[in-house]
């Protein structure tokens, strides 16, 4: 999967109409995208801004440090446990066929992998 991400990013950056910003679904994919951008001779963030998701501990150690979306992992775990306990305590058979949605607040952690938006 990681090789596929990097190969896709390289092909994306090799095109004439390449992106100037990329949002990745997680920090590992963002770092692979950064590696692909450098392989294609692009500067981060000069030529392309890259953002990850998850605020993994290693994202601040990347070069350049990775801008990422941080989510409250403890709150996500607490909510998941509450839902699971509620479902298990039901007298009826546990059924996770229904959809459960909870909103949580996330925050953008701006680091060095993104440039200011040009007007």
PDB file of N, CA and C in Angstrom:
ATOM      1  N   UNK A   1       0.818  -1.189   0.000  1.00  0.00           N
ATOM      2  CA  UNK A   1       0.000   0.000   0.000  1.00  0.00           C
ATOM      3  C   UNK A   1       0.868   1.261   0.000  1.00  0.00           C
ATOM      4  N   UNK A   2       1.925   1.242   0.794  1.00  0.00           N
ATOM      5  CA  UNK A   2       2.796   2.423   0.858  1.00  0.00           C
ATOM      6  C   UNK A   2       3.490   2.672  -0.471  1.00  0.00           C
ATOM      7  N   UNK A   3       3.907   1.605  -1.135  1.00  0.00           N
ATOM      8  CA  UNK A   3       4.545   1.764  -2.445  1.00  0.00           C
ATOM      9  C   UNK A   3       3.555   2.338  -3.447  1.00  0.00           C
ATOM     10  N   UNK A   4       2.301   1.928  -3.333  1.00  0.00           N
ATOM     11  CA  UNK A   4       1.271   2.428  -4.235  1.00  0.00           C
ATOM     12  C   UNK A   4       1.028   3.920  -4.011  1.00  0.00           C
ATOM     13  N   UNK A   5       1.040   4.331  -2.756  1.00  0.00           N
ATOM     14  CA  UNK A   5       0.843   5.756  -2.438  1.00  0.00           C
ATOM     15  C   UNK A   5       1.969   6.581  -3.036  1.00  0.00           C
ATOM     16  N   UNK A   6       3.185   6.145  -2.820  1.00  0.00           N
ATOM     17  CA  UNK A   6       4.319   6.911  -3.334  1.00  0.00           C
ATOM     18  C   UNK A   6       4.343   6.913  -4.865  1.00  0.00           C
ATOM     19  N   UNK A   7       4.011   5.778  -5.475  1.00  0.00           N
ATOM     20  CA  UNK A   7       3.971   5.710  -6.944  1.00  0.00           C
ATOM     21  C   UNK A   7       2.887   6.637  -7.491  1.00  0.00           C
ATOM     22  N   UNK A   8       1.727   6.649  -6.841  1.00  0.00           N
ATOM     23  CA  UNK A   8       0.649   7.541  -7.282  1.00  0.00           C
ATOM     24  C   UNK A   8       1.080   9.000  -7.158  1.00  0.00           C
ATOM     25  N   UNK A   9       1.706   9.338  -6.028  1.00  0.00           N
ATOM     26  CA  UNK A   9       2.148  10.724  -5.819  1.00  0.00           C
ATOM     27  C   UNK A   9       3.183  11.124  -6.857  1.00  0.00           C
ATOM     28  N   UNK A  10       4.118  10.226  -7.158  1.00  0.00           N
ATOM     29  CA  UNK A  10       5.124  10.548  -8.184  1.00  0.00           C
ATOM     30  C   UNK A  10       4.470  10.805  -9.526  1.00  0.00           C
ATOM     31  N   UNK A  11       3.486   9.992  -9.887  1.00  0.00           N
ATOM     32  CA  UNK A  11       2.818  10.199 -11.178  1.00  0.00           C
ATOM     33  C   UNK A  11       2.037  11.510 -11.168  1.00  0.00           C
ATOM     34  N   UNK A  12       1.438  11.835 -10.043  1.00  0.00           N
ATOM     35  CA  UNK A  12       0.673  13.074  -9.912  1.00  0.00           C
ATOM     36  C   UNK A  12       1.597  14.291 -10.049  1.00  0.00           C
ATOM     37  N   UNK A  13       2.779  14.216  -9.438  1.00  0.00           N
ATOM     38  CA  UNK A  13       3.715  15.338  -9.488  1.00  0.00           C
ATOM     39  C   UNK A  13       4.463  15.423 -10.814  1.00  0.00           C
ATOM     40  N   UNK A  14       4.424  14.380 -11.607  1.00  0.00           N
ATOM     41  CA  UNK A  14       5.110  14.370 -12.895  1.00  0.00           C
ATOM     42  C   UNK A  14       4.271  14.979 -14.009  1.00  0.00           C
ATOM     43  N   UNK A  15       3.002  15.191 -13.752  1.00  0.00           N
ATOM     44  CA  UNK A  15       2.106  15.744 -14.770  1.00  0.00           C
ATOM     45  C   UNK A  15       2.328  17.244 -14.928  1.00  0.00           C
ATOM     46  N   UNK A  16       1.975  17.734 -16.107  1.00  0.00           N
ATOM     47  CA  UNK A  16       2.138  19.158 -16.393  1.00  0.00           C
ATOM     48  C   UNK A  16       1.256  20.006 -15.474  1.00  0.00           C
ATOM     49  N   UNK A  17       0.052  19.539 -15.216  1.00  0.00           N
ATOM     50  CA  UNK A  17      -0.865  20.288 -14.338  1.00  0.00           C
ATOM     51  C   UNK A  17      -0.869  19.648 -12.947  1.00  0.00           C
ATOM     52  N   UNK A  18       0.286  19.685 -12.305  1.00  0.00           N
ATOM     53  CA  UNK A  18       0.427  19.062 -10.991  1.00  0.00           C
ATOM     54  C   UNK A  18      -0.221  19.920  -9.912  1.00  0.00           C
ATOM     55  N   UNK A  19      -0.610  19.305  -8.800  1.00  0.00           N
ATOM     56  CA  UNK A  19      -1.247  20.070  -7.725  1.00  0.00           C
ATOM     57  C   UNK A  19      -0.240  20.960  -6.993  1.00  0.00           C
ATOM     58  N   UNK A  20      -0.743  22.003  -6.391  1.00  0.00           N
ATOM     59  CA  UNK A  20       0.087  22.875  -5.565  1.00  0.00           C
ATOM     60  C   UNK A  20      -0.136  22.593  -4.080  1.00  0.00           C
ATOM     61  N   UNK A  21      -1.122  21.747  -3.767  1.00  0.00           N
ATOM     62  CA  UNK A  21      -1.392  21.358  -2.384  1.00  0.00           C
ATOM     63  C   UNK A  21      -2.023  19.967  -2.387  1.00  0.00           C
ATOM     64  N   UNK A  22      -1.666  19.180  -1.365  1.00  0.00           N
ATOM     65  CA  UNK A  22      -2.199  17.821  -1.244  1.00  0.00           C
ATOM     66  C   UNK A  22      -2.596  17.585   0.213  1.00  0.00           C
ATOM     67  N   UNK A  23      -3.807  17.072   0.425  1.00  0.00           N
ATOM     68  CA  UNK A  23      -4.256  16.648   1.753  1.00  0.00           C
ATOM     69  C   UNK A  23      -4.283  15.134   1.757  1.00  0.00           C
ATOM     70  N   UNK A  24      -3.594  14.522   2.693  1.00  0.00           N
ATOM     71  CA  UNK A  24      -3.502  13.063   2.780  1.00  0.00           C
ATOM     72  C   UNK A  24      -4.333  12.551   3.942  1.00  0.00           C
ATOM     73  N   UNK A  25      -4.829  11.335   3.816  1.00  0.00           N
ATOM     74  CA  UNK A  25      -5.723  10.776   4.828  1.00  0.00           C
ATOM     75  C   UNK A  25      -5.022  10.404   6.125  1.00  0.00           C
ATOM     76  N   UNK A  26      -3.700  10.353   6.121  1.00  0.00           N
ATOM     77  CA  UNK A  26      -2.959  10.117   7.361  1.00  0.00           C
ATOM     78  C   UNK A  26      -1.539  10.660   7.206  1.00  0.00           C
ATOM     79  N   UNK A  27      -0.836  10.717   8.315  1.00  0.00           N
ATOM     80  CA  UNK A  27       0.494  11.324   8.311  1.00  0.00           C
ATOM     81  C   UNK A  27       1.528  10.482   7.567  1.00  0.00           C
ATOM     82  N   UNK A  28       1.396   9.167   7.596  1.00  0.00           N
ATOM     83  CA  UNK A  28       2.335   8.311   6.857  1.00  0.00           C
ATOM     84  C   UNK A  28       2.206   8.576   5.360  1.00  0.00           C
ATOM     85  N   UNK A  29       0.981   8.634   4.866  1.00  0.00           N
ATOM     86  CA  UNK A  29       0.775   8.915   3.447  1.00  0.00           C
ATOM     87  C   UNK A  29       1.314  10.298   3.093  1.00  0.00           C
ATOM     88  N   UNK A  30       1.159  11.254   4.004  1.00  0.00           N
ATOM     89  CA  UNK A  30       1.676  12.605   3.752  1.00  0.00           C
ATOM     90  C   UNK A  30       3.194  12.579   3.641  1.00  0.00           C
ATOM     91  N   UNK A  31       3.842  11.822   4.499  1.00  0.00           N
ATOM     92  CA  UNK A  31       5.309  11.758   4.450  1.00  0.00           C
ATOM     93  C   UNK A  31       5.779  11.035   3.188  1.00  0.00           C
ATOM     94  N   UNK A  32       5.059  10.024   2.742  1.00  0.00           N
ATOM     95  CA  UNK A  32       5.391   9.364   1.484  1.00  0.00           C
ATOM     96  C   UNK A  32       5.183  10.323   0.311  1.00  0.00           C
ATOM     97  N   UNK A  33       4.156  11.144   0.403  1.00  0.00           N
ATOM     98  CA  UNK A  33       3.890  12.148  -0.623  1.00  0.00           C
ATOM     99  C   UNK A  33       4.998  13.190  -0.643  1.00  0.00           C
ATOM    100  N   UNK A  34       5.493  13.559   0.519  1.00  0.00           N
ATOM    101  CA  UNK A  34       6.624  14.493   0.590  1.00  0.00           C
ATOM    102  C   UNK A  34       7.855  13.881  -0.082  1.00  0.00           C
ATOM    103  N   UNK A  35       8.100  12.608   0.177  1.00  0.00           N
ATOM    104  CA  UNK A  35       9.255  11.931  -0.437  1.00  0.00           C
ATOM    105  C   UNK A  35       9.109  11.898  -1.955  1.00  0.00           C
ATOM    106  N   UNK A  36       7.895  11.624  -2.432  1.00  0.00           N
ATOM    107  CA  UNK A  36       7.650  11.595  -3.877  1.00  0.00           C
ATOM    108  C   UNK A  36       7.853  12.977  -4.496  1.00  0.00           C
ATOM    109  N   UNK A  37       7.411  14.010  -3.795  1.00  0.00           N
ATOM    110  CA  UNK A  37       7.571  15.381  -4.300  1.00  0.00           C
ATOM    111  C   UNK A  37       9.053  15.716  -4.435  1.00  0.00           C
ATOM    112  N   UNK A  38       9.828  15.373  -3.422  1.00  0.00           N
ATOM    113  CA  UNK A  38      11.276  15.637  -3.482  1.00  0.00           C
ATOM    114  C   UNK A  38      11.918  14.849  -4.615  1.00  0.00           C
ATOM    115  N   UNK A  39      11.477  13.614  -4.814  1.00  0.00           N
ATOM    116  CA  UNK A  39      12.005  12.783  -5.902  1.00  0.00           C
ATOM    117  C   UNK A  39      11.761  13.446  -7.256  1.00  0.00           C
ATOM    118  N   UNK A  40      10.635  14.158  -7.360  1.00  0.00           N
ATOM    119  CA  UNK A  40      10.296  14.851  -8.606  1.00  0.00           C
ATOM    120  C   UNK A  40      10.918  16.242  -8.683  1.00  0.00           C
ATOM    121  N   UNK A  41      11.774  16.579  -7.735  1.00  0.00           N
ATOM    122  CA  UNK A  41      12.479  17.853  -7.755  1.00  0.00           C
ATOM    123  C   UNK A  41      11.686  19.024  -7.219  1.00  0.00           C
ATOM    124  N   UNK A  42      10.611  18.753  -6.514  1.00  0.00           N
ATOM    125  CA  UNK A  42       9.779  19.833  -5.982  1.00  0.00           C
ATOM    126  C   UNK A  42      10.234  20.218  -4.585  1.00  0.00           C
ATOM    127  N   UNK A  43      10.034  21.485  -4.263  1.00  0.00           N
ATOM    128  CA  UNK A  43      10.347  21.988  -2.926  1.00  0.00           C
ATOM    129  C   UNK A  43       9.062  22.042  -2.107  1.00  0.00           C
ATOM    130  N   UNK A  44       9.189  21.648  -0.847  1.00  0.00           N
ATOM    131  CA  UNK A  44       8.064  21.688   0.081  1.00  0.00           C
ATOM    132  C   UNK A  44       8.391  22.751   1.123  1.00  0.00           C
ATOM    133  N   UNK A  45       7.618  23.769   1.294  1.00  0.00           N
ATOM    134  CA  UNK A  45       6.331  24.056   0.684  1.00  0.00           C
ATOM    135  C   UNK A  45       6.388  24.977  -0.529  1.00  0.00           C
ATOM    136  N   UNK A  46       7.565  25.312  -1.026  1.00  0.00           N
ATOM    137  CA  UNK A  46       7.671  26.262  -2.135  1.00  0.00           C
ATOM    138  C   UNK A  46       6.870  25.884  -3.363  1.00  0.00           C
ATOM    139  N   UNK A  47       6.956  24.622  -3.779  1.00  0.00           N
ATOM    140  CA  UNK A  47       6.237  24.169  -4.974  1.00  0.00           C
ATOM    141  C   UNK A  47       4.917  23.468  -4.639  1.00  0.00           C
ATOM    142  N   UNK A  48       4.884  22.804  -3.502  1.00  0.00           N
ATOM    143  CA  UNK A  48       3.672  22.070  -3.112  1.00  0.00           C
ATOM    144  C   UNK A  48       3.562  22.054  -1.591  1.00  0.00           C
ATOM    145  N   UNK A  49       2.357  22.317  -1.102  1.00  0.00           N
ATOM    146  CA  UNK A  49       2.057  22.217   0.328  1.00  0.00           C
ATOM    147  C   UNK A  49       1.446  20.844   0.585  1.00  0.00           C
ATOM    148  N   UNK A  50       1.827  20.231   1.697  1.00  0.00           N
ATOM    149  CA  UNK A  50       1.335  18.888   2.016  1.00  0.00           C
ATOM    150  C   UNK A  50       0.823  18.878   3.454  1.00  0.00           C
ATOM    151  N   UNK A  51      -0.382  18.310   3.627  1.00  0.00           N
ATOM    152  CA  UNK A  51      -1.029  18.227   4.935  1.00  0.00           C
ATOM    153  C   UNK A  51      -1.396  16.771   5.205  1.00  0.00           C
ATOM    154  N   UNK A  52      -1.166  16.331   6.431  1.00  0.00           N
ATOM    155  CA  UNK A  52      -1.544  14.986   6.843  1.00  0.00           C
ATOM    156  C   UNK A  52      -2.726  15.021   7.794  1.00  0.00           C
ATOM    157  N   UNK A  53      -3.041  13.847   8.351  1.00  0.00           N
ATOM    158  CA  UNK A  53      -4.147  13.737   9.311  1.00  0.00           C
ATOM    159  C   UNK A  53      -3.725  12.796  10.430  1.00  0.00           C
ATOM    160  N   UNK A  54      -3.884  13.238  11.659  1.00  0.00           N
ATOM    161  CA  UNK A  54      -3.636  12.371  12.793  1.00  0.00           C
ATOM    162  C   UNK A  54      -2.656  12.936  13.807  1.00  0.00           C
ATOM    163  N   UNK A  55      -1.801  13.828  13.397  1.00  0.00           N
ATOM    164  CA  UNK A  55      -0.781  14.412  14.260  1.00  0.00           C
ATOM    165  C   UNK A  55       0.023  13.336  14.988  1.00  0.00           C
ATOM    166  N   UNK A  56       0.533  12.379  14.218  1.00  0.00           N
ATOM    167  CA  UNK A  56       1.386  11.335  14.781  1.00  0.00           C
ATOM    168  C   UNK A  56       2.645  11.973  15.348  1.00  0.00           C
ATOM    169  N   UNK A  57       3.225  11.346  16.357  1.00  0.00           N
ATOM    170  CA  UNK A  57       4.383  11.937  17.041  1.00  0.00           C
ATOM    171  C   UNK A  57       5.536  12.222  16.090  1.00  0.00           C
ATOM    172  N   UNK A  58       5.677  11.434  15.038  1.00  0.00           N
ATOM    173  CA  UNK A  58       6.794  11.611  14.106  1.00  0.00           C
ATOM    174  C   UNK A  58       6.558  12.736  13.102  1.00  0.00           C
ATOM    175  N   UNK A  59       5.348  13.264  13.032  1.00  0.00           N
ATOM    176  CA  UNK A  59       5.062  14.310  12.037  1.00  0.00           C
ATOM    177  C   UNK A  59       5.845  15.593  12.318  1.00  0.00           C
ATOM    178  N   UNK A  60       6.156  15.857  13.574  1.00  0.00           N
ATOM    179  CA  UNK A  60       6.944  17.060  13.895  1.00  0.00           C
ATOM    180  C   UNK A  60       8.425  16.840  13.632  1.00  0.00           C
ATOM    181  N   UNK A  61       8.830  15.567  13.453  1.00  0.00           N
ATOM    182  CA  UNK A  61      10.234  15.270  13.194  1.00  0.00           C
ATOM    183  C   UNK A  61      10.557  15.187  11.705  1.00  0.00           C
ATOM    184  N   UNK A  62       9.528  15.235  10.860  1.00  0.00           N
ATOM    185  CA  UNK A  62       9.748  15.180   9.411  1.00  0.00           C
ATOM    186  C   UNK A  62      10.522  16.418   8.976  1.00  0.00           C
ATOM    187  N   UNK A  63      11.098  16.345   7.792  1.00  0.00           N
ATOM    188  CA  UNK A  63      11.839  17.481   7.263  1.00  0.00           C
ATOM    189  C   UNK A  63      11.306  17.825   5.883  1.00  0.00           C
ATOM    190  N   UNK A  64      10.519  18.900   5.758  1.00  0.00           N
ATOM    191  CA  UNK A  64      10.108  19.832   6.796  1.00  0.00           C
ATOM    192  C   UNK A  64       9.041  19.211   7.702  1.00  0.00           C
ATOM    193  N   UNK A  65       8.863  19.797   8.882  1.00  0.00           N
ATOM    194  CA  UNK A  65       7.859  19.267   9.810  1.00  0.00           C
ATOM    195  C   UNK A  65       6.482  19.356   9.150  1.00  0.00           C
ATOM    196  N   UNK A  66       5.656  18.351   9.421  1.00  0.00           N
ATOM    197  CA  UNK A  66       4.398  18.153   8.703  1.00  0.00           C
ATOM    198  C   UNK A  66       3.232  18.909   9.326  1.00  0.00           C
ATOM    199  N   UNK A  67       2.569  19.721   8.528  1.00  0.00           N
ATOM    200  CA  UNK A  67       1.295  20.317   8.929  1.00  0.00           C
ATOM    201  C   UNK A  67       0.275  19.185   8.928  1.00  0.00           C
ATOM    202  N   UNK A  68      -0.548  19.117   9.968  1.00  0.00           N
ATOM    203  CA  UNK A  68      -1.450  17.982  10.103  1.00  0.00           C
ATOM    204  C   UNK A  68      -2.719  18.371  10.855  1.00  0.00           C
ATOM    205  N   UNK A  69      -3.724  17.548  10.749  1.00  0.00           N
ATOM    206  CA  UNK A  69      -4.966  17.736  11.489  1.00  0.00           C
ATOM    207  C   UNK A  69      -4.896  16.834  12.722  1.00  0.00           C
ATOM    208  N   UNK A  70      -5.042  17.439  13.884  1.00  0.00           N
ATOM    209  CA  UNK A  70      -4.988  16.681  15.138  1.00  0.00           C
ATOM    210  C   UNK A  70      -6.406  16.372  15.599  1.00  0.00           C
ATOM    211  N   UNK A  71      -6.606  15.132  15.995  1.00  0.00           N
ATOM    212  CA  UNK A  71      -7.889  14.760  16.576  1.00  0.00           C
ATOM    213  C   UNK A  71      -7.647  14.301  18.008  1.00  0.00           C
ATOM    214  N   UNK A  72      -8.623  14.484  18.872  1.00  0.00           N
ATOM    215  CA  UNK A  72      -8.443  14.090  20.272  1.00  0.00           C
ATOM    216  C   UNK A  72      -8.592  12.573  20.430  1.00  0.00           C
ATOM    217  N   UNK A  73      -7.483  11.850  20.339  1.00  0.00           N
ATOM    218  CA  UNK A  73      -7.521  10.390  20.347  1.00  0.00           C
ATOM    219  C   UNK A  73      -8.189   9.824  21.599  1.00  0.00           C
ATOM    220  N   UNK A  74      -7.919  10.432  22.737  1.00  0.00           N
ATOM    221  CA  UNK A  74      -8.532   9.941  23.977  1.00  0.00           C
ATOM    222  C   UNK A  74     -10.047  10.094  23.936  1.00  0.00           C
ATOM    223  N   UNK A  75     -10.526  11.209  23.413  1.00  0.00           N
ATOM    224  CA  UNK A  75     -11.974  11.419  23.312  1.00  0.00           C
ATOM    225  C   UNK A  75     -12.600  10.424  22.338  1.00  0.00           C
ATOM    226  N   UNK A  76     -11.940  10.172  21.219  1.00  0.00           N
ATOM    227  CA  UNK A  76     -12.444   9.190  20.249  1.00  0.00           C
ATOM    228  C   UNK A  76     -12.541   7.817  20.913  1.00  0.00           C
ATOM    229  N   UNK A  77     -11.500   7.428  21.662  1.00  0.00           N
ATOM    230  CA  UNK A  77     -11.515   6.141  22.356  1.00  0.00           C
ATOM    231  C   UNK A  77     -12.599   6.069  23.403  1.00  0.00           C
ATOM    232  N   UNK A  78     -12.774   7.162  24.154  1.00  0.00           N
ATOM    233  CA  UNK A  78     -13.821   7.198  25.191  1.00  0.00           C
ATOM    234  C   UNK A  78     -15.200   7.047  24.574  1.00  0.00           C
ATOM    235  N   UNK A  79     -15.475   7.773  23.492  1.00  0.00           N
ATOM    236  CA  UNK A  79     -16.775   7.697  22.821  1.00  0.00           C
ATOM    237  C   UNK A  79     -17.011   6.290  22.278  1.00  0.00           C
ATOM    238  N   UNK A  80     -15.979   5.697  21.665  1.00  0.00           N
ATOM    239  CA  UNK A  80     -16.123   4.339  21.133  1.00  0.00           C
ATOM    240  C   UNK A  80     -16.448   3.351  22.244  1.00  0.00           C
ATOM    241  N   UNK A  81     -15.782   3.489  23.394  1.00  0.00           N
ATOM    242  CA  UNK A  81     -16.054   2.596  24.533  1.00  0.00           C
ATOM    243  C   UNK A  81     -17.470   2.788  25.055  1.00  0.00           C
ATOM    244  N   UNK A  82     -17.916   4.028  25.149  1.00  0.00           N
ATOM    245  CA  UNK A  82     -19.277   4.303  25.612  1.00  0.00           C
ATOM    246  C   UNK A  82     -20.312   3.663  24.693  1.00  0.00           C
ATOM    247  N   UNK A  83     -20.105   3.782  23.401  1.00  0.00           N
ATOM    248  CA  UNK A  83     -21.035   3.187  22.435  1.00  0.00           C
ATOM    249  C   UNK A  83     -21.027   1.665  22.557  1.00  0.00           C
ATOM    250  N   UNK A  84     -19.839   1.087  22.667  1.00  0.00           N
ATOM    251  CA  UNK A  84     -19.719  -0.360  22.794  1.00  0.00           C
ATOM    252  C   UNK A  84     -20.393  -0.868  24.065  1.00  0.00           C
ATOM    253  N   UNK A  85     -20.154  -0.221  25.179  1.00  0.00           N
ATOM    254  CA  UNK A  85     -20.769  -0.628  26.445  1.00  0.00           C
ATOM    255  C   UNK A  85     -22.288  -0.510  26.366  1.00  0.00           C
ATOM    256  N   UNK A  86     -22.771   0.561  25.767  1.00  0.00           N
ATOM    257  CA  UNK A  86     -24.216   0.750  25.605  1.00  0.00           C
ATOM    258  C   UNK A  86     -24.814  -0.375  24.767  1.00  0.00           C
ATOM    259  N   UNK A  87     -24.144  -0.732  23.682  1.00  0.00           N
ATOM    260  CA  UNK A  87     -24.642  -1.802  22.814  1.00  0.00           C
ATOM    261  C   UNK A  87     -24.613  -3.159  23.525  1.00  0.00           C
ATOM    262  N   UNK A  88     -23.538  -3.427  24.264  1.00  0.00           N
ATOM    263  CA  UNK A  88     -23.411  -4.714  24.956  1.00  0.00           C
ATOM    264  C   UNK A  88     -24.441  -4.837  26.068  1.00  0.00           C
ATOM    265  N   UNK A  89     -24.771  -3.735  26.732  1.00  0.00           N
ATOM    266  CA  UNK A  89     -25.701  -3.789  27.859  1.00  0.00           C
ATOM    267  C   UNK A  89     -27.159  -3.910  27.435  1.00  0.00           C
ATOM    268  N   UNK A  90     -27.449  -3.787  26.158  1.00  0.00           N
ATOM    269  CA  UNK A  90     -28.821  -3.960  25.679  1.00  0.00           C
ATOM    270  C   UNK A  90     -29.256  -5.399  25.903  1.00  0.00           C
ATOM    271  N   UNK A  91     -30.526  -5.565  26.228  1.00  0.00           N
ATOM    272  CA  UNK A  91     -31.046  -6.913  26.466  1.00  0.00           C
ATOM    273  C   UNK A  91     -31.174  -7.682  25.156  1.00  0.00           C
ATOM    274  N   UNK A  92     -31.438  -6.944  24.100  1.00  0.00           N
ATOM    275  CA  UNK A  92     -31.563  -7.587  22.791  1.00  0.00           C
ATOM    276  C   UNK A  92     -30.177  -7.930  22.265  1.00  0.00           C
ATOM    277  N   UNK A  93     -30.180  -8.696  21.221  1.00  0.00           N
ATOM    278  CA  UNK A  93     -28.923  -9.064  20.567  1.00  0.00           C
ATOM    279  C   UNK A  93     -28.199  -7.807  20.085  1.00  0.00           C
ATOM    280  N   UNK A  94     -26.900  -7.767  20.265  1.00  0.00           N
ATOM    281  CA  UNK A  94     -26.099  -6.623  19.823  1.00  0.00           C
ATOM    282  C   UNK A  94     -26.102  -6.582  18.301  1.00  0.00           C
ATOM    283  N   UNK A  95     -26.427  -5.430  17.766  1.00  0.00           N
ATOM    284  CA  UNK A  95     -26.446  -5.260  16.323  1.00  0.00           C
ATOM    285  C   UNK A  95     -25.824  -3.919  15.975  1.00  0.00           C
ATOM    286  N   UNK A  96     -24.745  -3.958  15.245  1.00  0.00           N
ATOM    287  CA  UNK A  96     -24.079  -2.726  14.837  1.00  0.00           C
ATOM    288  C   UNK A  96     -24.452  -2.354  13.407  1.00  0.00           C
ATOM    289  N   UNK A  97     -25.617  -2.791  12.981  1.00  0.00           N
ATOM    290  CA  UNK A  97     -26.041  -2.488  11.616  1.00  0.00           C
ATOM    291  C   UNK A  97     -26.477  -1.037  11.470  1.00  0.00           C
ATOM    292  N   UNK A  98     -26.859  -0.396  12.564  1.00  0.00           N
ATOM    293  CA  UNK A  98     -27.269   1.004  12.471  1.00  0.00           C
ATOM    294  C   UNK A  98     -26.036   1.905  12.517  1.00  0.00           C
ATOM    295  N   UNK A  99     -26.203   3.058  11.957  1.00  0.00           N
ATOM    296  CA  UNK A  99     -25.091   3.998  11.872  1.00  0.00           C
ATOM    297  C   UNK A  99     -25.091   4.911  13.096  1.00  0.00           C
ATOM    298  N   UNK A 100     -23.920   5.102  13.667  1.00  0.00           N
ATOM    299  CA  UNK A 100     -23.770   5.997  14.807  1.00  0.00           C
ATOM    300  C   UNK A 100     -22.820   7.110  14.396  1.00  0.00           C
ATOM    301  N   UNK A 101     -23.246   8.339  14.604  1.00  0.00           N
ATOM    302  CA  UNK A 101     -22.405   9.477  14.245  1.00  0.00           C
ATOM    303  C   UNK A 101     -22.189  10.354  15.469  1.00  0.00           C
ATOM    304  N   UNK A 102     -20.972  10.729  15.661  1.00  0.00           N
ATOM    305  CA  UNK A 102     -20.609  11.649  16.740  1.00  0.00           C
ATOM    306  C   UNK A 102     -19.686  12.701  16.140  1.00  0.00           C
ATOM    307  N   UNK A 103     -19.872  13.925  16.510  1.00  0.00           N
ATOM    308  CA  UNK A 103     -19.011  15.005  16.043  1.00  0.00           C
ATOM    309  C   UNK A 103     -17.932  15.262  17.089  1.00  0.00           C
ATOM    310  N   UNK A 104     -16.710  15.384  16.636  1.00  0.00           N
ATOM    311  CA  UNK A 104     -15.613  15.749  17.524  1.00  0.00           C
ATOM    312  C   UNK A 104     -14.883  16.941  16.911  1.00  0.00           C
ATOM    313  N   UNK A 105     -14.303  17.733  17.754  1.00  0.00           N
ATOM    314  CA  UNK A 105     -13.541  18.884  17.281  1.00  0.00           C
ATOM    315  C   UNK A 105     -12.116  18.447  16.950  1.00  0.00           C
ATOM    316  N   UNK A 106     -11.639  18.896  15.816  1.00  0.00           N
ATOM    317  CA  UNK A 106     -10.252  18.652  15.412  1.00  0.00           C
ATOM    318  C   UNK A 106      -9.579  20.010  15.275  1.00  0.00           C
ATOM    319  N   UNK A 107      -8.261  20.004  15.179  1.00  0.00           N
ATOM    320  CA  UNK A 107      -7.555  21.281  15.015  1.00  0.00           C
ATOM    321  C   UNK A 107      -6.433  21.119  13.996  1.00  0.00           C
ATOM    322  N   UNK A 108      -6.167  22.182  13.304  1.00  0.00           N
ATOM    323  CA  UNK A 108      -5.083  22.198  12.328  1.00  0.00           C
ATOM    324  C   UNK A 108      -3.800  22.609  13.037  1.00  0.00           C
ATOM    325  N   UNK A 109      -2.769  21.771  12.919  1.00  0.00           N
ATOM    326  CA  UNK A 109      -1.467  22.058  13.510  1.00  0.00           C
ATOM    327  C   UNK A 109      -0.560  22.497  12.362  1.00  0.00           C
ATOM    328  N   UNK A 110      -0.338  23.795  12.251  1.00  0.00           N
ATOM    329  CA  UNK A 110       0.434  24.339  11.134  1.00  0.00           C
ATOM    330  C   UNK A 110       1.918  24.227  11.454  1.00  0.00           C
ATOM    331  N   UNK A 111       2.622  23.542  10.546  1.00  0.00           N
ATOM    332  CA  UNK A 111       4.071  23.414  10.684  1.00  0.00           C
ATOM    333  C   UNK A 111       4.713  23.893   9.383  1.00  0.00           C
ATOM    334  N   UNK A 112       5.811  23.289   8.979  1.00  0.00           N
ATOM    335  CA  UNK A 112       6.595  23.815   7.871  1.00  0.00           C
ATOM    336  C   UNK A 112       6.227  23.280   6.480  1.00  0.00           C
ATOM    337  N   UNK A 113       5.361  22.292   6.366  1.00  0.00           N
ATOM    338  CA  UNK A 113       5.098  21.682   5.062  1.00  0.00           C
ATOM    339  C   UNK A 113       4.043  22.412   4.244  1.00  0.00           C
ATOM    340  N   UNK A 114       3.556  23.538   4.750  1.00  0.00           N
ATOM    341  CA  UNK A 114       2.560  24.315   4.017  1.00  0.00           C
ATOM    342  C   UNK A 114       3.003  25.763   3.884  1.00  0.00           C
ATOM    343  N   UNK A 115       2.642  26.353   2.756  1.00  0.00           N
ATOM    344  CA  UNK A 115       2.943  27.766   2.497  1.00  0.00           C
ATOM    345  C   UNK A 115       1.668  28.563   2.645  1.00  0.00           C
ATOM    346  N   UNK A 116       1.818  29.860   2.815  1.00  0.00           N
ATOM    347  CA  UNK A 116       0.661  30.754   2.901  1.00  0.00           C
ATOM    348  C   UNK A 116      -0.065  30.763   1.562  1.00  0.00           C
ATOM    349  N   UNK A 117      -1.374  30.873   1.624  1.00  0.00           N
ATOM    350  CA  UNK A 117      -2.198  30.947   0.422  1.00  0.00           C
ATOM    351  C   UNK A 117      -1.975  32.286  -0.266  1.00  0.00           C
ATOM    352  N   UNK A 118      -1.715  32.229  -1.558  1.00  0.00           N
ATOM    353  CA  UNK A 118      -1.503  33.468  -2.322  1.00  0.00           C
ATOM    354  C   UNK A 118      -2.853  34.025  -2.761  1.00  0.00           C
ATOM    355  N   UNK A 119      -3.003  35.300  -2.644  1.00  0.00           N
ATOM    356  CA  UNK A 119      -4.282  35.952  -3.015  1.00  0.00           C
ATOM    357  C   UNK A 119      -4.373  36.143  -4.510  1.00  0.00           C
TER     358      UNK A 119
END
